[in-house]
């Protein structure tokens, strides 16, 4: 026996626009990943020393590199600057006013004087 639920969607204009945007985003991600996978796979076949493509690597690359690219593009369009720092940069340990850096800081500390 097959049981199913049938649900009718009757979105208003704002909701319909959100649905179209979500579908467009998913379509972009799928097409980009397919194209990038093929490019990386062809490069790996030509040179086995190159990295073999993987699902996880593509997700990191999309998240995605694409986010940074779009952020830089939009910042430049508005006359702003994007500064990329290492994930190991001790920003939480540095005072934003006096630039003093703590040598150690427990992970549960969120604010300090």
C-alpha atoms as a PDB file:
ATOM      1  CA  UNK A   1       0.000   0.000   0.000  1.00  0.00           C
ATOM      2  CA  UNK A   2       1.354   3.414  -0.952  1.00  0.00           C
ATOM      3  CA  UNK A   3       0.343   6.352   1.198  1.00  0.00           C
ATOM      4  CA  UNK A   4       0.946   9.898   0.083  1.00  0.00           C
ATOM      5  CA  UNK A   5       0.126  13.437   1.036  1.00  0.00           C
ATOM      6  CA  UNK A   6      -0.906  15.838  -1.651  1.00  0.00           C
ATOM      7  CA  UNK A   7      -0.257  19.475  -0.764  1.00  0.00           C
ATOM      8  CA  UNK A   8      -1.207  22.340  -3.049  1.00  0.00           C
ATOM      9  CA  UNK A   9       1.081  25.358  -3.018  1.00  0.00           C
ATOM     10  CA  UNK A  10      -0.668  28.639  -3.594  1.00  0.00           C
ATOM     11  CA  UNK A  11       2.063  31.201  -2.933  1.00  0.00           C
ATOM     12  CA  UNK A  12       1.515  34.917  -2.977  1.00  0.00           C
ATOM     13  CA  UNK A  13       3.760  37.096  -5.193  1.00  0.00           C
ATOM     14  CA  UNK A  14       6.523  37.475  -2.593  1.00  0.00           C
ATOM     15  CA  UNK A  15       6.580  33.745  -1.864  1.00  0.00           C
ATOM     16  CA  UNK A  16       6.571  32.871  -5.583  1.00  0.00           C
ATOM     17  CA  UNK A  17       9.567  35.164  -6.090  1.00  0.00           C
ATOM     18  CA  UNK A  18      11.382  33.441  -3.210  1.00  0.00           C
ATOM     19  CA  UNK A  19      10.649  30.030  -4.735  1.00  0.00           C
ATOM     20  CA  UNK A  20      12.033  31.147  -8.118  1.00  0.00           C
ATOM     21  CA  UNK A  21      15.181  32.536  -6.486  1.00  0.00           C
ATOM     22  CA  UNK A  22      15.744  29.323  -4.529  1.00  0.00           C
ATOM     23  CA  UNK A  23      15.286  27.232  -7.665  1.00  0.00           C
ATOM     24  CA  UNK A  24      17.674  29.505  -9.576  1.00  0.00           C
ATOM     25  CA  UNK A  25      20.294  29.247  -6.839  1.00  0.00           C
ATOM     26  CA  UNK A  26      20.037  25.457  -6.772  1.00  0.00           C
ATOM     27  CA  UNK A  27      20.266  25.318 -10.578  1.00  0.00           C
ATOM     28  CA  UNK A  28      23.347  27.573 -10.548  1.00  0.00           C
ATOM     29  CA  UNK A  29      25.073  25.438  -7.885  1.00  0.00           C
ATOM     30  CA  UNK A  30      24.315  22.195  -9.741  1.00  0.00           C
ATOM     31  CA  UNK A  31      25.510  23.512 -13.118  1.00  0.00           C
ATOM     32  CA  UNK A  32      28.632  25.078 -11.603  1.00  0.00           C
ATOM     33  CA  UNK A  33      29.533  21.889  -9.716  1.00  0.00           C
ATOM     34  CA  UNK A  34      28.984  19.714 -12.785  1.00  0.00           C
ATOM     35  CA  UNK A  35      31.178  21.941 -14.935  1.00  0.00           C
ATOM     36  CA  UNK A  36      33.881  22.278 -12.267  1.00  0.00           C
ATOM     37  CA  UNK A  37      33.877  18.525 -11.553  1.00  0.00           C
ATOM     38  CA  UNK A  38      34.417  17.793 -15.262  1.00  0.00           C
ATOM     39  CA  UNK A  39      37.221  20.375 -15.509  1.00  0.00           C
ATOM     40  CA  UNK A  40      39.003  19.023 -12.426  1.00  0.00           C
ATOM     41  CA  UNK A  41      38.472  15.396 -13.486  1.00  0.00           C
ATOM     42  CA  UNK A  42      39.940  16.099 -16.945  1.00  0.00           C
ATOM     43  CA  UNK A  43      42.925  17.828 -15.302  1.00  0.00           C
ATOM     44  CA  UNK A  44      43.404  14.828 -12.981  1.00  0.00           C
ATOM     45  CA  UNK A  45      43.245  12.377 -15.925  1.00  0.00           C
ATOM     46  CA  UNK A  46      45.888  14.417 -17.763  1.00  0.00           C
ATOM     47  CA  UNK A  47      48.129  14.710 -14.691  1.00  0.00           C
ATOM     48  CA  UNK A  48      47.598  12.229 -11.855  1.00  0.00           C
ATOM     49  CA  UNK A  49      49.609  14.516  -9.546  1.00  0.00           C
ATOM     50  CA  UNK A  50      46.700  16.992  -9.648  1.00  0.00           C
ATOM     51  CA  UNK A  51      43.986  16.719  -7.003  1.00  0.00           C
ATOM     52  CA  UNK A  52      41.173  14.326  -7.849  1.00  0.00           C
ATOM     53  CA  UNK A  53      37.827  16.112  -7.496  1.00  0.00           C
ATOM     54  CA  UNK A  54      35.633  15.247  -4.521  1.00  0.00           C
ATOM     55  CA  UNK A  55      32.216  16.287  -3.304  1.00  0.00           C
ATOM     56  CA  UNK A  56      33.619  17.910  -0.162  1.00  0.00           C
ATOM     57  CA  UNK A  57      36.273  19.858  -2.083  1.00  0.00           C
ATOM     58  CA  UNK A  58      33.680  21.192  -4.526  1.00  0.00           C
ATOM     59  CA  UNK A  59      31.402  22.278  -1.670  1.00  0.00           C
ATOM     60  CA  UNK A  60      34.272  24.175  -0.016  1.00  0.00           C
ATOM     61  CA  UNK A  61      35.204  25.727  -3.344  1.00  0.00           C
ATOM     62  CA  UNK A  62      31.658  26.899  -4.093  1.00  0.00           C
ATOM     63  CA  UNK A  63      30.999  28.189  -0.617  1.00  0.00           C
ATOM     64  CA  UNK A  64      30.479  29.080  -1.998  1.00  0.00           C
ATOM     65  CA  UNK A  65      35.316  30.926  -3.278  1.00  0.00           C
ATOM     66  CA  UNK A  66      32.072  32.097  -4.837  1.00  0.00           C
ATOM     67  CA  UNK A  67      31.049  33.973  -1.687  1.00  0.00           C
ATOM     68  CA  UNK A  68      34.394  35.788  -1.564  1.00  0.00           C
ATOM     69  CA  UNK A  69      34.236  36.589  -5.291  1.00  0.00           C
ATOM     70  CA  UNK A  70      30.751  38.062  -5.007  1.00  0.00           C
ATOM     71  CA  UNK A  71      31.633  39.955  -1.836  1.00  0.00           C
ATOM     72  CA  UNK A  72      34.680  41.521  -3.537  1.00  0.00           C
ATOM     73  CA  UNK A  73      32.622  42.374  -6.619  1.00  0.00           C
ATOM     74  CA  UNK A  74      29.856  44.044  -4.616  1.00  0.00           C
ATOM     75  CA  UNK A  75      32.326  45.879  -2.379  1.00  0.00           C
ATOM     76  CA  UNK A  76      34.214  47.242  -5.396  1.00  0.00           C
ATOM     77  CA  UNK A  77      30.916  48.312  -6.957  1.00  0.00           C
ATOM     78  CA  UNK A  78      30.193  50.353  -3.814  1.00  0.00           C
ATOM     79  CA  UNK A  79      33.737  51.695  -3.439  1.00  0.00           C
ATOM     80  CA  UNK A  80      34.534  49.476  -0.443  1.00  0.00           C
ATOM     81  CA  UNK A  81      37.478  47.177   0.292  1.00  0.00           C
ATOM     82  CA  UNK A  82      37.424  43.528   1.333  1.00  0.00           C
ATOM     83  CA  UNK A  83      40.352  42.381   3.451  1.00  0.00           C
ATOM     84  CA  UNK A  84      40.859  38.623   3.574  1.00  0.00           C
ATOM     85  CA  UNK A  85      42.652  37.311   6.645  1.00  0.00           C
ATOM     86  CA  UNK A  86      43.763  33.843   7.620  1.00  0.00           C
ATOM     87  CA  UNK A  87      41.299  31.746   9.594  1.00  0.00           C
ATOM     88  CA  UNK A  88      44.025  31.619  12.256  1.00  0.00           C
ATOM     89  CA  UNK A  89      44.229  35.425  12.600  1.00  0.00           C
ATOM     90  CA  UNK A  90      43.673  36.155  16.331  1.00  0.00           C
ATOM     91  CA  UNK A  91      40.958  38.776  15.825  1.00  0.00           C
ATOM     92  CA  UNK A  92      39.179  37.932  19.092  1.00  0.00           C
ATOM     93  CA  UNK A  93      42.404  38.383  21.031  1.00  0.00           C
ATOM     94  CA  UNK A  94      43.094  41.875  19.655  1.00  0.00           C
ATOM     95  CA  UNK A  95      41.512  44.996  21.149  1.00  0.00           C
ATOM     96  CA  UNK A  96      39.753  46.910  18.361  1.00  0.00           C
ATOM     97  CA  UNK A  97      40.599  50.247  20.022  1.00  0.00           C
ATOM     98  CA  UNK A  98      44.121  49.909  21.441  1.00  0.00           C
ATOM     99  CA  UNK A  99      45.319  46.955  19.285  1.00  0.00           C
ATOM    100  CA  UNK A 100      46.592  45.134  22.406  1.00  0.00           C
ATOM    101  CA  UNK A 101      46.812  41.362  21.827  1.00  0.00           C
ATOM    102  CA  UNK A 102      46.184  38.808  24.576  1.00  0.00           C
ATOM    103  CA  UNK A 103      48.667  35.943  24.625  1.00  0.00           C
ATOM    104  CA  UNK A 104      46.013  33.377  25.585  1.00  0.00           C
ATOM    105  CA  UNK A 105      42.243  33.434  25.701  1.00  0.00           C
ATOM    106  CA  UNK A 106      39.895  30.573  26.641  1.00  0.00           C
ATOM    107  CA  UNK A 107      37.218  29.745  24.062  1.00  0.00           C
ATOM    108  CA  UNK A 108      34.392  30.550  26.478  1.00  0.00           C
ATOM    109  CA  UNK A 109      35.509  34.211  26.814  1.00  0.00           C
ATOM    110  CA  UNK A 110      33.528  36.419  24.408  1.00  0.00           C
ATOM    111  CA  UNK A 111      34.411  39.874  25.756  1.00  0.00           C
ATOM    112  CA  UNK A 112      37.369  41.220  27.660  1.00  0.00           C
ATOM    113  CA  UNK A 113      38.697  44.551  28.976  1.00  0.00           C
END
